[in-house]
Amino acid sequence: MRTSSCFGILLAGGLARRMGGGDKALRELGGTSLLARAIAAFWPQCEGLVLSANGDPERFAGFDLPIVADDVPGFMGPLAGILAGLDWIAAHRPDVASAISVPADTPFLPGDLAARLMDARAKDNALIACARSGGRTHQAVAVWPVSMRFDLRHALVVENIRKVEAFLQNYSRAIVEWPTLPYDPFFNANDPSDLAAAEAILARCDNRLA
């Protein structure tokens, strides 16, 4: 379901230390990259997608997405990637007021992600809406007002706030719960054992995930 009032931000700017370095999002699952799986699930739900990634953008050239790097130095984590995405949306799609961020290494994103997050934020009259599953809130899977980029830049540059939770605690937030059966839709691959677990999920499920 496409949610016309939002744009997607795919976060691929991490250092992937637990994966042994390199690009987690380019690791393959069932013969398809994690990033390609995230794009396939997320693209139909948004007006478009922007990829937040540092380093040489050419390695992502085959995905035909705008690519933005952090402009806040020091590898400040997902908040810096979200800021880069919000700045790009403000500059290139000023008609879009909201963005939804997701990590690029989440291959099983639900098809109702954007719709449910946007609806919950409106219903609760909140600034932010975050996904939750299995007792864990996924702060990087969230709806953001594009206008929040000014507060976010101040938090990063002036206050040195790096953790998403530390930033969000100052704002009203709706939480949307997803079931974890037959699998957690926000499963993300942080190390090689996670990739093995994801392969097991694919083996258990039907060809809709393949």
Protein backbone atom coordinates (compact mmCIF):
# COMPACT_ATOMS: atom_id res chain seq x y z
CA MET A 1 0.00 0.00 0.00
CA ARG A 2 1.55 3.30 -1.10
CA THR A 3 1.42 6.12 1.45
CA SER A 4 1.66 9.20 -0.76
CA SER A 5 2.59 11.61 2.01
CA CYS A 6 5.88 9.96 3.00
CA PHE A 7 9.33 9.32 1.56
CA GLY A 8 11.56 6.43 2.62
CA ILE A 9 15.10 6.65 4.02
CA LEU A 10 17.17 3.47 3.84
CA LEU A 11 20.00 3.55 6.39
CA ALA A 12 23.19 1.89 5.15
CA GLY A 13 25.85 4.11 6.71
CA GLY A 14 27.06 1.85 9.53
CA LEU A 15 30.56 0.45 9.90
CA ALA A 16 29.38 -3.20 10.10
CA ARG A 17 32.04 -4.16 12.65
CA ARG A 18 30.16 -7.27 13.82
CA MET A 19 29.82 -8.42 10.22
CA GLY A 20 33.58 -8.05 9.72
CA GLY A 21 33.37 -4.72 7.90
CA GLY A 22 32.14 -3.87 4.42
CA ASP A 23 28.52 -3.25 3.50
CA LYS A 24 26.01 -5.32 5.45
CA ALA A 25 23.28 -4.26 3.07
CA LEU A 26 25.10 -5.86 0.14
CA ARG A 27 25.39 -9.28 1.82
CA GLU A 28 23.19 -11.83 0.10
CA LEU A 29 20.23 -13.71 1.47
CA GLY A 30 18.81 -16.42 -0.75
CA GLY A 31 20.85 -15.08 -3.66
CA THR A 32 19.51 -11.51 -3.28
CA SER A 33 21.13 -8.68 -1.36
CA LEU A 34 19.60 -7.52 1.90
CA LEU A 35 19.29 -4.04 0.40
CA ALA A 36 17.42 -5.31 -2.66
CA ARG A 37 14.98 -7.13 -0.40
CA ALA A 38 14.42 -4.02 1.72
CA ILE A 39 13.85 -1.91 -1.40
CA ALA A 40 11.36 -4.41 -2.83
CA ALA A 41 9.32 -4.36 0.39
CA PHE A 42 9.54 -0.63 1.07
CA TRP A 43 9.34 1.00 -2.36
CA PRO A 44 5.63 0.30 -2.97
CA GLN A 45 4.74 2.04 0.31
CA CYS A 46 6.38 5.44 -0.31
CA GLU A 47 6.62 8.28 -2.79
CA GLY A 48 10.23 7.27 -3.30
CA LEU A 49 13.38 6.19 -1.51
CA VAL A 50 16.73 7.76 -0.69
CA LEU A 51 19.73 5.71 0.42
CA SER A 52 21.85 7.03 3.27
CA ALA A 53 25.36 5.61 2.82
CA ASN A 54 28.91 6.81 3.38
CA GLY A 55 31.95 6.11 1.19
CA ASP A 56 32.05 5.57 -2.55
CA PRO A 57 28.46 5.82 -3.85
CA GLU A 58 29.33 3.85 -7.00
CA ARG A 59 29.00 0.57 -5.14
CA PHE A 60 25.26 1.24 -4.94
CA ALA A 61 24.88 2.52 -8.50
CA GLY A 62 22.92 -0.53 -9.60
CA PHE A 63 20.01 0.32 -7.30
CA ASP A 64 19.10 3.56 -9.11
CA LEU A 65 18.45 5.52 -5.91
CA PRO A 66 19.66 8.95 -4.79
CA ILE A 67 22.53 8.41 -2.35
CA VAL A 68 23.39 10.80 0.45
CA ALA A 69 26.34 10.71 2.85
CA ASP A 70 26.50 12.09 6.38
CA ASP A 71 27.55 15.72 6.49
CA VAL A 72 28.08 15.56 10.26
CA PRO A 73 31.64 14.26 10.82
CA GLY A 74 32.65 11.45 13.12
CA PHE A 75 30.32 8.56 12.18
CA MET A 76 27.52 9.71 14.46
CA GLY A 77 25.35 6.70 13.73
CA PRO A 78 21.79 6.38 12.41
CA LEU A 79 20.75 9.87 13.51
CA ALA A 80 23.28 11.35 11.09
CA GLY A 81 21.94 9.15 8.31
CA ILE A 82 18.38 10.16 9.09
CA LEU A 83 19.42 13.82 9.03
CA ALA A 84 21.09 13.39 5.63
CA GLY A 85 17.92 11.80 4.29
CA LEU A 86 15.65 14.50 5.71
CA ASP A 87 17.86 17.23 4.22
CA TRP A 88 17.72 15.54 0.80
CA ILE A 89 13.93 15.25 0.94
CA ALA A 90 13.57 18.90 1.97
CA ALA A 91 15.74 19.99 -0.95
CA HIS A 92 14.39 17.67 -3.65
CA ARG A 93 10.83 16.87 -2.57
CA PRO A 94 9.56 19.90 -0.63
CA ASP A 95 5.99 18.67 -1.17
CA VAL A 96 6.62 15.69 1.15
CA ALA A 97 6.25 16.45 4.86
CA SER A 98 7.14 13.07 6.39
CA ALA A 99 9.84 10.43 6.06
CA ILE A 100 10.11 6.87 7.28
CA SER A 101 13.53 5.48 8.14
CA VAL A 102 14.45 1.80 8.05
CA PRO A 103 17.80 0.00 8.31
CA ALA A 104 18.87 -1.33 4.92
CA ASP A 105 19.71 -4.74 6.42
CA THR A 106 16.09 -5.59 7.33
CA PRO A 107 15.00 -8.01 4.58
CA PHE A 108 11.54 -8.91 5.91
CA LEU A 109 9.89 -5.48 6.22
CA PRO A 110 6.07 -5.66 6.49
CA GLY A 111 3.96 -4.42 3.62
CA ASP A 112 1.81 -2.29 5.95
CA LEU A 113 4.74 -0.52 7.63
CA ALA A 114 4.20 2.99 6.26
CA ALA A 115 0.42 2.92 6.52
CA ARG A 116 0.34 1.74 10.14
CA LEU A 117 3.07 4.11 11.33
CA MET A 118 1.47 7.11 9.63
CA ASP A 119 -2.00 6.20 10.94
CA ALA A 120 -0.75 5.75 14.51
CA ARG A 121 1.07 9.06 14.49
CA ALA A 122 -2.06 10.86 13.30
CA LYS A 123 -4.35 9.03 15.73
CA ASP A 124 -2.11 9.79 18.73
CA ASN A 125 -1.31 13.32 17.53
CA ALA A 126 2.37 12.47 17.96
CA LEU A 127 5.42 13.81 16.16
CA ILE A 128 7.05 10.41 15.79
CA ALA A 129 5.82 6.84 15.40
CA CYS A 130 8.11 3.84 15.96
CA ALA A 131 7.71 0.15 15.23
CA ARG A 132 7.86 -2.47 17.97
CA SER A 133 8.07 -6.26 17.92
CA GLY A 134 9.01 -8.97 20.37
CA GLY A 135 9.18 -6.56 23.29
CA ARG A 136 11.68 -4.30 21.52
CA THR A 137 11.06 -0.82 20.14
CA HIS A 138 12.89 -0.22 16.87
CA GLN A 139 13.76 3.46 17.10
CA ALA A 140 15.34 3.54 13.64
CA VAL A 141 12.10 2.23 12.09
CA ALA A 142 10.13 5.42 12.48
CA VAL A 143 8.15 8.24 10.92
CA TRP A 144 9.86 11.64 11.09
CA PRO A 145 8.56 15.11 10.18
CA VAL A 146 10.96 16.48 7.58
CA SER A 147 10.92 19.76 9.51
CA MET A 148 12.55 17.99 12.48
CA ARG A 149 15.88 18.13 10.65
CA PHE A 150 16.73 21.43 12.36
CA ASP A 151 16.28 19.98 15.86
CA LEU A 152 18.15 16.87 14.81
CA ARG A 153 21.14 18.81 13.50
CA HIS A 154 21.31 20.81 16.72
CA ALA A 155 21.20 17.61 18.77
CA LEU A 156 24.04 16.06 16.77
CA VAL A 157 26.32 19.06 16.32
CA VAL A 158 25.75 21.05 19.50
CA GLU A 159 24.56 18.49 22.06
CA ASN A 160 26.56 15.51 20.73
CA ILE A 161 23.52 13.23 21.03
CA ARG A 162 24.22 10.03 19.11
CA LYS A 163 21.59 7.53 20.27
CA VAL A 164 18.18 7.60 18.61
CA GLU A 165 16.41 6.87 21.91
CA ALA A 166 18.15 9.79 23.64
CA PHE A 167 16.93 12.14 20.91
CA LEU A 168 13.38 10.79 20.77
CA GLN A 169 12.73 11.02 24.50
CA ASN A 170 12.07 14.74 24.08
CA TYR A 171 9.23 14.25 21.58
CA SER A 172 5.75 12.73 21.59
CA ARG A 173 5.81 9.25 20.13
CA ALA A 174 3.34 6.58 19.06
CA ILE A 175 4.37 2.92 19.22
CA VAL A 176 3.01 0.36 16.76
CA GLU A 177 3.27 -3.35 17.57
CA TRP A 178 3.88 -6.11 15.01
CA PRO A 179 3.71 -9.85 15.71
CA THR A 180 6.88 -11.92 15.52
CA LEU A 181 5.29 -15.04 14.04
CA PRO A 182 6.06 -16.62 11.67
CA TYR A 183 9.13 -14.34 11.84
CA ASP A 184 10.07 -10.93 13.18
CA PRO A 185 9.44 -8.43 10.35
CA PHE A 186 12.22 -6.21 11.75
CA PHE A 187 14.86 -8.91 11.89
CA ASN A 188 18.17 -7.36 10.89
CA ALA A 189 21.47 -8.95 10.05
CA ASN A 190 24.30 -7.70 12.26
CA ASP A 191 26.73 -10.63 12.07
CA PRO A 192 27.24 -13.84 10.08
CA SER A 193 25.10 -15.86 12.49
CA ASP A 194 22.19 -13.53 11.74
CA LEU A 195 22.56 -14.26 8.03
CA ALA A 196 22.37 -17.96 8.81
CA ALA A 197 19.23 -17.35 10.88
CA ALA A 198 17.70 -15.38 8.01
CA GLU A 199 18.41 -18.24 5.62
CA ALA A 200 16.56 -20.52 8.03
CA ILE A 201 13.59 -18.14 8.00
CA LEU A 202 13.52 -18.30 4.21
CA ALA A 203 13.65 -22.08 4.31
CA ARG A 204 10.68 -22.22 6.70
CA CYS A 205 8.50 -19.75 4.84
CA ASP A 206 6.88 -19.98 1.44
CA ASN A 207 8.20 -18.52 -1.80
CA ARG A 208 6.70 -15.08 -1.11
CA LEU A 209 9.93 -14.25 0.75
CA ALA A 210 12.27 -15.77 -1.81
